[in-house]
Every structure is written in structure tokens, then in C-alpha cells.
Amino acid sequence: MPFRSNDCAVAGCNQAIVVLGTILRASLRALDLTGEVYKTRVGDALELAKLGRSLRQDELTMACLTGPLCHDAGQIADDLDPSAQRSGCADMLMRKGSKILAYDTTYEAFLETLKSVPTPHSTAVVVGAGPAACAAVGACRQLGFQFVGITSRSWVSTEVLHDSSAAAKLRDLGALPTLWPSIDDTLQTTNFSREMRLQFSELATFAQVIIQTVALDPTSNDIRNICDIIPWTQTRKNAVVCDLVYGSQPSPFLLEAQKRGLTAIAGVDLLTTRGLRMTETWTGTRPARAPIHAAAVRACSRTRDE
């Protein structure tokens, strides 16, 4: 399908692009602006470069990205917005004049959301090691959090953690990568390993902010395993919990937070904020939140039922 110069493309993980596409279309309608939002396939570096050419050749004005693509998107841009510089990732590419600029609107969504919550900025913990985790770490550090602990399901041993390029990137952003907490004694081969596994759980007990960034089906067993690494009965009573799993109903992770009276911020709320920031950067105007959020919730319900 040929693009037009006032159009944008959404690429990446299927559910994310459906919901983000809905948010962007609803935003254009709310602002009474013309333009199409296309779903497009970008699965590797060659297809990402092709998308960049569409921007340079005035076939598109903006591209929205999700998933692992965000690690490399900044490489095809001429300049990085401070948001992309602070997260090391880019989820939005926009043509401005003859240049392509890269932004990280997930970082901006975390920054805006956490600024609005009256909680001390001392300690945060993050689950996951992808682009969204980089955005969360960058936002926490920008807000002045002194400690940001982070863990990933793939960090099952000290050797894996030491060799992980994702862990190295997150260290550079100011995070403390730790082993994945496990009750499997076969993984705990040394006292050092046991201490490393305890480190994340201990950080979570006094963290003011807990952020889950792994994109999962809310009904999967994996989300339950992620829930279990947080010592919910020992967390601060004023902790803020964010979960990027989005749907029309609260995720199991957020249900655990709500059960204990913690402030819970759903993935659809963060995704709505991201879409509003993206629309504002793209068009220069930010639409009202309520109708856009309602459209996002409806889109989440449709993708769940399909």
C-alpha cells in the first residue's frame, strides 16, 4: 500500500500496534486532522532501513515502533531527542525538514506518569530488560531515583548476567542488574548466587516504585511467575506499581498490587500517555485524554477476544 506524506506507520508487536494504531487514529479524529495510520511489517534491520527511506522520501511523516526494533531505530536517525538519548532506545521516528529525528515516547510516558505520583524518588525496581525497561530506568534516573534495581528472566546465573549485553546497557543507564529470583535450589550453586538472587527481592521490599515491563498475555503462566518474584506482603504501603501488560481488565500483577492497597498504574494507561505524547510531537497538539483512553480500552478488549 503506498503511503502519503501526511501518513504514519506503526510497526512491531501485533497487539501493541493494534492498540497504538487505534490511539493514533482516535487522536487524529479528535484533532480534526487528516492522515492514515498503517500497520506495516518491520522484522529486521533491512526492513527498518526501508522504513527510514520512506520517511526520507516524504512518503511518511512519522513511524511508531514497538518491541526489539526500538534498540536499533536510533541508528537510522540523524539526531536523537533527549528522550532517546536517556533511554538508549527509540520508539518513534519523525521527519523534520530533511532530517529524521528519533524519540522515546515510552520514556516520556514513564517520566510524565511518575512525576504525577506523590512518592519519594529513592529506590525503584524494574522487571524486564527490553526497550521498555531501558525507558523505565532512564525515566527513574532522570527523576533522581538513587537506586534502580532490575532483573530479567534470562539472568539465571552470574555467568549469564556478566555476559549479557542487555545488562551492560542497563548498567550504563544507571541501573543495578541482578539475578532472577528463584526458589529452584539447583540454580543457587554458590553463596554469591544466593546473595545476588536475594538482592532484587530485598530492593523490592523498600522500593517506592515497582515497574513490570515484560509484554505478556495476561492469562499466561509467565505472568504468574513474574508476580511471584515480588515479596508483596513486605512491600511499602505507599509503593507505586506500574505494569506494561495492557488489557481491558487489570493484569494479575496489578491485582496483587490492588489487593494490598498499593497505587496501581495499568499498561493501557501508560500506552495512552505514550500515544498522546506521540501525537503531540507529531502534530504539535495534544488531544483530550478521556476519549483516547476509552478507544484504547476498547481496542484492548477486541485484541483479547480475537
C-alpha atoms as a PDB file:
ATOM      1  CA  MET A   1       0.000   0.000   0.000  1.00  0.00           C
ATOM      2  CA  PRO A   2       1.530   3.375  -0.975  1.00  0.00           C
ATOM      3  CA  PHE A   3       1.997   5.888   1.810  1.00  0.00           C
ATOM      4  CA  ARG A   4       1.165   9.575   1.663  1.00  0.00           C
ATOM      5  CA  SER A   5       3.281  12.348   3.117  1.00  0.00           C
ATOM      6  CA  ASN A   6       0.850  13.065   5.964  1.00  0.00           C
ATOM      7  CA  ASP A   7       0.559   9.405   6.961  1.00  0.00           C
ATOM      8  CA  CYS A   8       2.298   7.382   9.639  1.00  0.00           C
ATOM      9  CA  ALA A   9       3.214   3.725  10.051  1.00  0.00           C
ATOM     10  CA  VAL A  10       3.023   1.516  13.148  1.00  0.00           C
ATOM     11  CA  ALA A  11       5.338  -1.490  13.278  1.00  0.00           C
ATOM     12  CA  GLY A  12       6.348  -4.210  15.727  1.00  0.00           C
ATOM     13  CA  CYS A  13       4.469  -6.492  18.122  1.00  0.00           C
ATOM     14  CA  ASN A  14       0.968  -7.285  16.855  1.00  0.00           C
ATOM     15  CA  GLN A  15      -1.192  -6.395  19.881  1.00  0.00           C
ATOM     16  CA  ALA A  16       0.804  -3.246  20.598  1.00  0.00           C
ATOM     17  CA  ILE A  17       0.478  -1.916  17.063  1.00  0.00           C
ATOM     18  CA  VAL A  18      -3.281  -2.603  17.034  1.00  0.00           C
ATOM     19  CA  VAL A  19      -3.797  -0.577  20.212  1.00  0.00           C
ATOM     20  CA  LEU A  20      -1.320   2.174  19.288  1.00  0.00           C
ATOM     21  CA  GLY A  21      -2.838   2.410  15.821  1.00  0.00           C
ATOM     22  CA  THR A  22      -6.256   2.875  17.421  1.00  0.00           C
ATOM     23  CA  ILE A  23      -4.891   5.580  19.732  1.00  0.00           C
ATOM     24  CA  LEU A  24      -3.299   7.487  16.852  1.00  0.00           C
ATOM     25  CA  ARG A  25      -6.420   7.279  14.666  1.00  0.00           C
ATOM     26  CA  ALA A  26      -8.600   8.444  17.550  1.00  0.00           C
ATOM     27  CA  SER A  27      -6.180  11.310  18.194  1.00  0.00           C
ATOM     28  CA  LEU A  28      -6.298  12.458  14.558  1.00  0.00           C
ATOM     29  CA  ARG A  29     -10.108  12.389  14.607  1.00  0.00           C
ATOM     30  CA  ALA A  30     -10.202  14.306  17.905  1.00  0.00           C
ATOM     31  CA  LEU A  31      -7.969  16.990  16.407  1.00  0.00           C
ATOM     32  CA  ASP A  32      -9.906  17.005  13.106  1.00  0.00           C
ATOM     33  CA  LEU A  33      -6.734  16.193  11.167  1.00  0.00           C
ATOM     34  CA  THR A  34      -6.396  14.078   8.026  1.00  0.00           C
ATOM     35  CA  GLY A  35      -3.942  11.246   7.628  1.00  0.00           C
ATOM     36  CA  GLU A  36      -3.806   7.477   7.624  1.00  0.00           C
ATOM     37  CA  VAL A  37      -2.226   5.143  10.176  1.00  0.00           C
ATOM     38  CA  TYR A  38      -0.873   2.000   8.550  1.00  0.00           C
ATOM     39  CA  LYS A  39       0.203  -1.271  10.084  1.00  0.00           C
ATOM     40  CA  THR A  40       3.454  -2.303   8.440  1.00  0.00           C
ATOM     41  CA  ARG A  41       5.876  -5.187   8.834  1.00  0.00           C
ATOM     42  CA  VAL A  42       9.350  -4.357  10.107  1.00  0.00           C
ATOM     43  CA  GLY A  43      11.053  -7.523  11.295  1.00  0.00           C
ATOM     44  CA  ASP A  44      14.740  -6.875  10.754  1.00  0.00           C
ATOM     45  CA  ALA A  45      17.387  -4.237  10.027  1.00  0.00           C
ATOM     46  CA  LEU A  46      16.709  -4.252   6.276  1.00  0.00           C
ATOM     47  CA  GLU A  47      13.007  -3.562   6.754  1.00  0.00           C
ATOM     48  CA  LEU A  48      13.821  -0.885   9.319  1.00  0.00           C
ATOM     49  CA  ALA A  49      16.126   0.780   6.777  1.00  0.00           C
ATOM     50  CA  LYS A  50      13.316   0.600   4.196  1.00  0.00           C
ATOM     51  CA  LEU A  51      11.012   2.362   6.638  1.00  0.00           C
ATOM     52  CA  GLY A  52      13.677   5.026   7.080  1.00  0.00           C
ATOM     53  CA  ARG A  53      13.778   5.553   3.310  1.00  0.00           C
ATOM     54  CA  SER A  54      10.007   6.067   3.261  1.00  0.00           C
ATOM     55  CA  LEU A  55      10.482   8.838   5.804  1.00  0.00           C
ATOM     56  CA  ARG A  56      13.332  10.461   3.870  1.00  0.00           C
ATOM     57  CA  GLN A  57      11.468  10.286   0.581  1.00  0.00           C
ATOM     58  CA  ASP A  58       8.485  12.164   2.044  1.00  0.00           C
ATOM     59  CA  GLU A  59       6.205   9.122   1.855  1.00  0.00           C
ATOM     60  CA  LEU A  60       5.654   9.235   5.630  1.00  0.00           C
ATOM     61  CA  THR A  61       5.967  11.852   8.324  1.00  0.00           C
ATOM     62  CA  MET A  62       6.183   9.527  11.301  1.00  0.00           C
ATOM     63  CA  ALA A  63       6.767   5.908  12.261  1.00  0.00           C
ATOM     64  CA  CYS A  64       5.852   4.329  15.593  1.00  0.00           C
ATOM     65  CA  LEU A  65       7.814   1.250  16.675  1.00  0.00           C
ATOM     66  CA  THR A  66       7.349  -1.417  19.315  1.00  0.00           C
ATOM     67  CA  GLY A  67       9.416  -4.286  20.691  1.00  0.00           C
ATOM     68  CA  PRO A  68      13.086  -5.093  19.962  1.00  0.00           C
ATOM     69  CA  LEU A  69      13.134  -2.752  16.933  1.00  0.00           C
ATOM     70  CA  CYS A  70      13.477   0.136  19.359  1.00  0.00           C
ATOM     71  CA  HIS A  71      17.037  -0.896  20.234  1.00  0.00           C
ATOM     72  CA  ASP A  72      18.255  -0.137  16.690  1.00  0.00           C
ATOM     73  CA  ALA A  73      15.856   2.536  15.449  1.00  0.00           C
ATOM     74  CA  GLY A  74      18.064   5.406  16.565  1.00  0.00           C
ATOM     75  CA  GLN A  75      20.787   4.236  14.186  1.00  0.00           C
ATOM     76  CA  ILE A  76      18.834   5.358  11.117  1.00  0.00           C
ATOM     77  CA  ALA A  77      18.078   8.792  12.589  1.00  0.00           C
ATOM     78  CA  ASP A  78      20.109  11.946  12.043  1.00  0.00           C
ATOM     79  CA  ASP A  79      19.517  13.285  15.549  1.00  0.00           C
ATOM     80  CA  LEU A  80      18.354  11.847  18.868  1.00  0.00           C
ATOM     81  CA  ASP A  81      15.857  13.680  21.040  1.00  0.00           C
ATOM     82  CA  PRO A  82      16.912  13.810  24.733  1.00  0.00           C
ATOM     83  CA  SER A  83      14.310  11.113  25.436  1.00  0.00           C
ATOM     84  CA  ALA A  84      16.112   8.682  23.122  1.00  0.00           C
ATOM     85  CA  GLN A  85      19.497   9.713  24.477  1.00  0.00           C
ATOM     86  CA  ARG A  86      18.448   8.996  28.067  1.00  0.00           C
ATOM     87  CA  SER A  87      16.967   5.569  27.338  1.00  0.00           C
ATOM     88  CA  GLY A  88      19.321   4.413  24.600  1.00  0.00           C
ATOM     89  CA  CYS A  89      16.277   3.377  22.527  1.00  0.00           C
ATOM     90  CA  ALA A  90      13.812   4.970  20.104  1.00  0.00           C
ATOM     91  CA  ASP A  91      10.152   4.081  19.539  1.00  0.00           C
ATOM     92  CA  MET A  92       9.254   6.987  17.253  1.00  0.00           C
ATOM     93  CA  LEU A  93      10.925   8.279  14.092  1.00  0.00           C
ATOM     94  CA  MET A  94       9.753  11.556  12.577  1.00  0.00           C
ATOM     95  CA  ARG A  95      10.813  13.524   9.547  1.00  0.00           C
ATOM     96  CA  LYS A  96      11.535  17.157  10.303  1.00  0.00           C
ATOM     97  CA  GLY A  97      12.738  19.060   7.290  1.00  0.00           C
ATOM     98  CA  SER A  98      15.433  16.953   5.669  1.00  0.00           C
ATOM     99  CA  LYS A  99      16.283  15.054   8.844  1.00  0.00           C
ATOM    100  CA  ILE A 100      14.914  12.071  10.732  1.00  0.00           C
ATOM    101  CA  LEU A 101      14.626  12.586  14.476  1.00  0.00           C
ATOM    102  CA  ALA A 102      14.356   9.721  16.979  1.00  0.00           C
ATOM    103  CA  TYR A 103      12.296   9.893  20.178  1.00  0.00           C
ATOM    104  CA  ASP A 104      11.451   7.521  23.003  1.00  0.00           C
ATOM    105  CA  THR A 105       7.832   8.199  23.887  1.00  0.00           C
ATOM    106  CA  THR A 106       7.768   5.234  26.286  1.00  0.00           C
ATOM    107  CA  TYR A 107      10.440   7.047  28.308  1.00  0.00           C
ATOM    108  CA  GLU A 108       8.326  10.217  28.140  1.00  0.00           C
ATOM    109  CA  ALA A 109       5.228   8.287  29.288  1.00  0.00           C
ATOM    110  CA  PHE A 110       7.084   6.881  32.300  1.00  0.00           C
ATOM    111  CA  LEU A 111       8.505  10.307  33.109  1.00  0.00           C
ATOM    112  CA  GLU A 112       5.121  12.031  32.918  1.00  0.00           C
ATOM    113  CA  THR A 113       3.356   9.277  34.877  1.00  0.00           C
ATOM    114  CA  LEU A 114       5.888   9.017  37.697  1.00  0.00           C
ATOM    115  CA  LYS A 115       6.095  12.815  38.014  1.00  0.00           C
ATOM    116  CA  SER A 116       2.366  12.894  38.705  1.00  0.00           C
ATOM    117  CA  VAL A 117       2.577  10.403  41.593  1.00  0.00           C
ATOM    118  CA  PRO A 118       3.483  11.883  45.011  1.00  0.00           C
ATOM    119  CA  THR A 119       6.064   9.315  46.069  1.00  0.00           C
ATOM    120  CA  PRO A 120       9.693   9.712  47.211  1.00  0.00           C
ATOM    121  CA  HIS A 121      12.255   9.223  44.470  1.00  0.00           C
ATOM    122  CA  SER A 122      14.765   6.992  46.187  1.00  0.00           C
ATOM    123  CA  THR A 123      14.511   3.345  45.071  1.00  0.00           C
ATOM    124  CA  ALA A 124      12.811   1.664  42.124  1.00  0.00           C
ATOM    125  CA  VAL A 125      12.845  -1.884  40.794  1.00  0.00           C
ATOM    126  CA  VAL A 126      12.194  -2.919  37.195  1.00  0.00           C
ATOM    127  CA  VAL A 127      11.325  -6.329  35.741  1.00  0.00           C
ATOM    128  CA  GLY A 128      12.499  -6.936  32.173  1.00  0.00           C
ATOM    129  CA  ALA A 129      15.481  -5.988  30.030  1.00  0.00           C
ATOM    130  CA  GLY A 130      13.994  -4.792  26.741  1.00  0.00           C
ATOM    131  CA  PRO A 131      13.491  -1.292  25.329  1.00  0.00           C
ATOM    132  CA  ALA A 132      10.621  -0.565  27.744  1.00  0.00           C
ATOM    133  CA  ALA A 133      12.895  -1.444  30.670  1.00  0.00           C
ATOM    134  CA  CYS A 134      15.533   0.938  29.297  1.00  0.00           C
ATOM    135  CA  ALA A 135      12.862   3.641  29.122  1.00  0.00           C
ATOM    136  CA  ALA A 136      11.784   2.950  32.709  1.00  0.00           C
ATOM    137  CA  VAL A 137      15.363   3.065  34.001  1.00  0.00           C
ATOM    138  CA  GLY A 138      16.104   6.257  32.080  1.00  0.00           C
ATOM    139  CA  ALA A 139      12.985   7.948  33.445  1.00  0.00           C
ATOM    140  CA  CYS A 140      13.704   6.888  37.038  1.00  0.00           C
ATOM    141  CA  ARG A 141      17.268   8.157  36.826  1.00  0.00           C
ATOM    142  CA  GLN A 142      16.103  11.437  35.284  1.00  0.00           C
ATOM    143  CA  LEU A 143      13.686  11.862  38.194  1.00  0.00           C
ATOM    144  CA  GLY A 144      16.511  11.422  40.676  1.00  0.00           C
ATOM    145  CA  PHE A 145      15.999   7.862  41.908  1.00  0.00           C
ATOM    146  CA  GLN A 146      19.228   6.872  43.662  1.00  0.00           C
ATOM    147  CA  PHE A 147      18.875   3.103  43.176  1.00  0.00           C
ATOM    148  CA  VAL A 148      17.202   1.288  40.293  1.00  0.00           C
ATOM    149  CA  GLY A 149      17.397  -2.484  40.622  1.00  0.00           C
ATOM    150  CA  ILE A 150      16.493  -4.591  37.609  1.00  0.00           C
ATOM    151  CA  THR A 151      16.131  -8.282  36.807  1.00  0.00           C
ATOM    152  CA  SER A 152      15.281 -10.400  33.776  1.00  0.00           C
ATOM    153  CA  ARG A 153      14.065 -13.969  33.356  1.00  0.00           C
ATOM    154  CA  SER A 154      17.126 -14.760  31.245  1.00  0.00           C
ATOM    155  CA  TRP A 155      19.594 -13.813  34.006  1.00  0.00           C
ATOM    156  CA  VAL A 156      19.642 -17.223  35.657  1.00  0.00           C
ATOM    157  CA  SER A 157      23.316 -17.335  36.647  1.00  0.00           C
ATOM    158  CA  THR A 158      26.165 -14.973  37.426  1.00  0.00           C
ATOM    159  CA  GLU A 159      27.875 -16.046  34.195  1.00  0.00           C
ATOM    160  CA  VAL A 160      24.832 -15.214  32.073  1.00  0.00           C
ATOM    161  CA  LEU A 161      24.387 -11.905  33.848  1.00  0.00           C
ATOM    162  CA  HIS A 162      28.055 -10.994  33.373  1.00  0.00           C
ATOM    163  CA  ASP A 163      27.923 -11.767  29.632  1.00  0.00           C
ATOM    164  CA  SER A 164      24.558 -10.108  28.955  1.00  0.00           C
ATOM    165  CA  SER A 165      24.759  -7.149  26.574  1.00  0.00           C
ATOM    166  CA  ALA A 166      21.345  -6.011  27.824  1.00  0.00           C
ATOM    167  CA  ALA A 167      22.638  -5.945  31.407  1.00  0.00           C
ATOM    168  CA  ALA A 168      25.677  -3.948  30.289  1.00  0.00           C
ATOM    169  CA  LYS A 169      23.446  -1.391  28.557  1.00  0.00           C
ATOM    170  CA  LEU A 170      21.234  -1.064  31.627  1.00  0.00           C
ATOM    171  CA  ARG A 171      24.297  -0.576  33.850  1.00  0.00           C
ATOM    172  CA  ASP A 172      25.364   2.249  31.567  1.00  0.00           C
ATOM    173  CA  LEU A 173      21.930   3.805  32.056  1.00  0.00           C
ATOM    174  CA  GLY A 174      22.440   3.713  35.829  1.00  0.00           C
ATOM    175  CA  ALA A 175      20.635   0.508  36.844  1.00  0.00           C
ATOM    176  CA  LEU A 176      21.842  -2.361  39.034  1.00  0.00           C
ATOM    177  CA  PRO A 177      21.196  -5.656  37.164  1.00  0.00           C
ATOM    178  CA  THR A 178      20.554  -8.615  39.479  1.00  0.00           C
ATOM    179  CA  LEU A 179      19.870 -12.323  39.070  1.00  0.00           C
ATOM    180  CA  TRP A 180      16.343 -13.537  38.523  1.00  0.00           C
ATOM    181  CA  PRO A 181      14.924 -14.552  41.929  1.00  0.00           C
ATOM    182  CA  SER A 182      14.280 -18.291  42.057  1.00  0.00           C
ATOM    183  CA  ILE A 183      13.180 -20.884  44.556  1.00  0.00           C
ATOM    184  CA  ASP A 184      14.923 -23.569  42.498  1.00  0.00           C
ATOM    185  CA  ASP A 185      17.892 -24.644  44.606  1.00  0.00           C
ATOM    186  CA  THR A 186      19.566 -26.222  41.582  1.00  0.00           C
ATOM    187  CA  LEU A 187      20.232 -22.709  40.280  1.00  0.00           C
ATOM    188  CA  GLN A 188      21.716 -21.462  43.548  1.00  0.00           C
ATOM    189  CA  THR A 189      25.135 -23.018  43.238  1.00  0.00           C
ATOM    190  CA  THR A 190      27.148 -20.578  45.341  1.00  0.00           C
ATOM    191  CA  ASN A 191      26.641 -18.256  48.284  1.00  0.00           C
ATOM    192  CA  PHE A 192      27.322 -15.362  45.893  1.00  0.00           C
ATOM    193  CA  SER A 193      24.498 -16.536  43.600  1.00  0.00           C
ATOM    194  CA  ARG A 194      22.117 -16.767  46.543  1.00  0.00           C
ATOM    195  CA  GLU A 195      23.036 -13.237  47.619  1.00  0.00           C
ATOM    196  CA  MET A 196      22.530 -11.941  44.082  1.00  0.00           C
ATOM    197  CA  ARG A 197      19.056 -13.518  43.930  1.00  0.00           C
ATOM    198  CA  LEU A 198      18.108 -12.052  47.275  1.00  0.00           C
ATOM    199  CA  GLN A 199      19.296  -8.629  46.153  1.00  0.00           C
ATOM    200  CA  PHE A 200      16.322  -7.971  43.865  1.00  0.00           C
ATOM    201  CA  SER A 201      13.762  -9.188  46.395  1.00  0.00           C
ATOM    202  CA  GLU A 202      15.311  -7.047  49.117  1.00  0.00           C
ATOM    203  CA  LEU A 203      15.319  -3.992  46.878  1.00  0.00           C
ATOM    204  CA  ALA A 204      11.642  -4.614  46.079  1.00  0.00           C
ATOM    205  CA  THR A 205      10.687  -4.556  49.771  1.00  0.00           C
ATOM    206  CA  PHE A 206      11.699  -0.917  50.178  1.00  0.00           C
ATOM    207  CA  ALA A 207      11.192   0.344  46.611  1.00  0.00           C
ATOM    208  CA  GLN A 208       8.852   3.289  46.170  1.00  0.00           C
ATOM    209  CA  VAL A 209       8.198   2.259  42.554  1.00  0.00           C
ATOM    210  CA  ILE A 210       7.858  -1.244  41.070  1.00  0.00           C
ATOM    211  CA  ILE A 211       7.718  -1.458  37.262  1.00  0.00           C
ATOM    212  CA  GLN A 212       6.922  -4.579  35.224  1.00  0.00           C
ATOM    213  CA  THR A 213       7.884  -4.134  31.546  1.00  0.00           C
ATOM    214  CA  VAL A 214       7.641  -7.639  30.053  1.00  0.00           C
ATOM    215  CA  ALA A 215       4.937  -7.829  27.371  1.00  0.00           C
ATOM    216  CA  LEU A 216       2.862 -10.921  28.186  1.00  0.00           C
ATOM    217  CA  ASP A 217      -0.595 -12.343  27.719  1.00  0.00           C
ATOM    218  CA  PRO A 218      -2.405 -11.533  30.996  1.00  0.00           C
ATOM    219  CA  THR A 219      -3.690 -15.124  31.135  1.00  0.00           C
ATOM    220  CA  SER A 220      -0.292 -16.817  30.695  1.00  0.00           C
ATOM    221  CA  ASN A 221       1.583 -18.763  33.357  1.00  0.00           C
ATOM    222  CA  ASP A 222       4.576 -16.479  32.785  1.00  0.00           C
ATOM    223  CA  ILE A 223       2.773 -13.503  34.286  1.00  0.00           C
ATOM    224  CA  ARG A 224       2.101 -15.530  37.431  1.00  0.00           C
ATOM    225  CA  ASN A 225       5.803 -16.412  37.665  1.00  0.00           C
ATOM    226  CA  ILE A 226       6.640 -12.717  37.404  1.00  0.00           C
ATOM    227  CA  CYS A 227       4.096 -11.889  40.114  1.00  0.00           C
ATOM    228  CA  ASP A 228       5.776 -14.369  42.427  1.00  0.00           C
ATOM    229  CA  ILE A 229       9.184 -12.639  42.444  1.00  0.00           C
ATOM    230  CA  ILE A 230       7.761  -9.580  44.239  1.00  0.00           C
ATOM    231  CA  PRO A 231       7.503 -10.010  48.049  1.00  0.00           C
ATOM    232  CA  TRP A 232       4.042  -8.416  48.082  1.00  0.00           C
ATOM    233  CA  THR A 233       3.445  -8.828  51.811  1.00  0.00           C
ATOM    234  CA  GLN A 234       6.628  -6.883  52.557  1.00  0.00           C
ATOM    235  CA  THR A 235       6.405  -4.011  50.064  1.00  0.00           C
ATOM    236  CA  ARG A 236       5.996  -0.410  51.189  1.00  0.00           C
ATOM    237  CA  LYS A 237       2.375   0.532  51.833  1.00  0.00           C
ATOM    238  CA  ASN A 238       2.812   3.645  49.653  1.00  0.00           C
ATOM    239  CA  ALA A 239       4.535   1.874  46.756  1.00  0.00           C
ATOM    240  CA  VAL A 240       3.507   2.675  43.173  1.00  0.00           C
ATOM    241  CA  VAL A 241       3.192  -0.311  40.823  1.00  0.00           C
ATOM    242  CA  CYS A 242       3.260   0.024  37.014  1.00  0.00           C
ATOM    243  CA  ASP A 243       2.605  -2.868  34.649  1.00  0.00           C
ATOM    244  CA  LEU A 244       3.015  -2.662  30.868  1.00  0.00           C
ATOM    245  CA  VAL A 245       0.744  -5.655  30.306  1.00  0.00           C
ATOM    246  CA  TYR A 246      -2.348  -3.996  28.904  1.00  0.00           C
ATOM    247  CA  GLY A 247      -5.922  -5.106  28.595  1.00  0.00           C
ATOM    248  CA  SER A 248      -9.428  -4.007  29.440  1.00  0.00           C
ATOM    249  CA  GLN A 249      -9.091  -5.675  32.863  1.00  0.00           C
ATOM    250  CA  PRO A 250      -6.275  -5.373  35.454  1.00  0.00           C
ATOM    251  CA  SER A 251      -3.411  -7.825  34.969  1.00  0.00           C
ATOM    252  CA  PRO A 252      -2.574 -10.391  37.699  1.00  0.00           C
ATOM    253  CA  PHE A 253       0.441  -8.214  38.583  1.00  0.00           C
ATOM    254  CA  LEU A 254      -1.782  -5.190  39.185  1.00  0.00           C
ATOM    255  CA  LEU A 255      -4.372  -7.275  41.016  1.00  0.00           C
ATOM    256  CA  GLU A 256      -1.676  -8.236  43.515  1.00  0.00           C
ATOM    257  CA  ALA A 257      -0.887  -4.545  43.999  1.00  0.00           C
ATOM    258  CA  GLN A 258      -4.545  -3.553  44.348  1.00  0.00           C
ATOM    259  CA  LYS A 259      -5.165  -6.366  46.825  1.00  0.00           C
ATOM    260  CA  ARG A 260      -2.663  -4.674  49.133  1.00  0.00           C
ATOM    261  CA  GLY A 261      -3.930  -1.144  48.585  1.00  0.00           C
ATOM    262  CA  LEU A 262      -0.940  -0.036  46.503  1.00  0.00           C
ATOM    263  CA  THR A 263      -1.210   2.601  43.779  1.00  0.00           C
ATOM    264  CA  ALA A 264      -1.587   0.639  40.527  1.00  0.00           C
ATOM    265  CA  ILE A 265      -0.968   2.082  37.043  1.00  0.00           C
ATOM    266  CA  ALA A 266      -2.154  -0.129  34.195  1.00  0.00           C
ATOM    267  CA  GLY A 267      -0.430  -0.743  30.903  1.00  0.00           C
ATOM    268  CA  VAL A 268      -3.314   0.772  28.937  1.00  0.00           C
ATOM    269  CA  ASP A 269      -2.902   3.979  30.950  1.00  0.00           C
ATOM    270  CA  LEU A 270       0.812   4.166  30.124  1.00  0.00           C
ATOM    271  CA  LEU A 271       0.119   3.288  26.485  1.00  0.00           C
ATOM    272  CA  THR A 272      -2.477   6.069  26.286  1.00  0.00           C
ATOM    273  CA  THR A 273       0.038   8.560  27.687  1.00  0.00           C
ATOM    274  CA  ARG A 274       2.603   7.340  25.166  1.00  0.00           C
ATOM    275  CA  GLY A 275       0.128   7.806  22.312  1.00  0.00           C
ATOM    276  CA  LEU A 276      -0.768  11.318  23.479  1.00  0.00           C
ATOM    277  CA  ARG A 277       2.916  12.291  23.700  1.00  0.00           C
ATOM    278  CA  MET A 278       3.496  10.846  20.249  1.00  0.00           C
ATOM    279  CA  THR A 279       0.536  12.731  18.773  1.00  0.00           C
ATOM    280  CA  GLU A 280       1.698  15.977  20.374  1.00  0.00           C
ATOM    281  CA  THR A 281       5.208  15.567  18.976  1.00  0.00           C
ATOM    282  CA  TRP A 282       3.857  14.627  15.536  1.00  0.00           C
ATOM    283  CA  THR A 283       1.088  17.242  15.154  1.00  0.00           C
ATOM    284  CA  GLY A 284       2.027  19.946  17.682  1.00  0.00           C
ATOM    285  CA  THR A 285      -1.290  19.478  19.519  1.00  0.00           C
ATOM    286  CA  ARG A 286      -2.330  17.128  22.306  1.00  0.00           C
ATOM    287  CA  PRO A 287      -5.927  15.845  22.292  1.00  0.00           C
ATOM    288  CA  ALA A 288      -8.064  15.394  25.403  1.00  0.00           C
ATOM    289  CA  ARG A 289      -7.183  12.193  27.235  1.00  0.00           C
ATOM    290  CA  ALA A 290     -10.608  10.706  28.072  1.00  0.00           C
ATOM    291  CA  PRO A 291     -11.849   9.737  24.571  1.00  0.00           C
ATOM    292  CA  ILE A 292      -8.410   8.472  23.553  1.00  0.00           C
ATOM    293  CA  HIS A 293      -8.153   6.296  26.664  1.00  0.00           C
ATOM    294  CA  ALA A 294     -11.651   4.937  26.023  1.00  0.00           C
ATOM    295  CA  ALA A 295     -10.650   3.999  22.466  1.00  0.00           C
ATOM    296  CA  ALA A 296      -7.527   2.248  23.785  1.00  0.00           C
ATOM    297  CA  VAL A 297      -9.559   0.200  26.278  1.00  0.00           C
ATOM    298  CA  ARG A 298     -11.970  -0.865  23.524  1.00  0.00           C
ATOM    299  CA  ALA A 299      -9.025  -1.890  21.330  1.00  0.00           C
ATOM    300  CA  CYS A 300      -7.573  -3.955  24.187  1.00  0.00           C
ATOM    301  CA  SER A 301     -10.925  -5.742  24.569  1.00  0.00           C
ATOM    302  CA  ARG A 302     -11.027  -6.558  20.847  1.00  0.00           C
ATOM    303  CA  THR A 303      -7.483  -7.930  20.728  1.00  0.00           C
ATOM    304  CA  ARG A 304      -8.183 -10.060  23.822  1.00  0.00           C
ATOM    305  CA  ASP A 305     -11.283 -11.584  22.226  1.00  0.00           C
ATOM    306  CA  GLU A 306      -9.654 -12.330  18.862  1.00  0.00           C
END
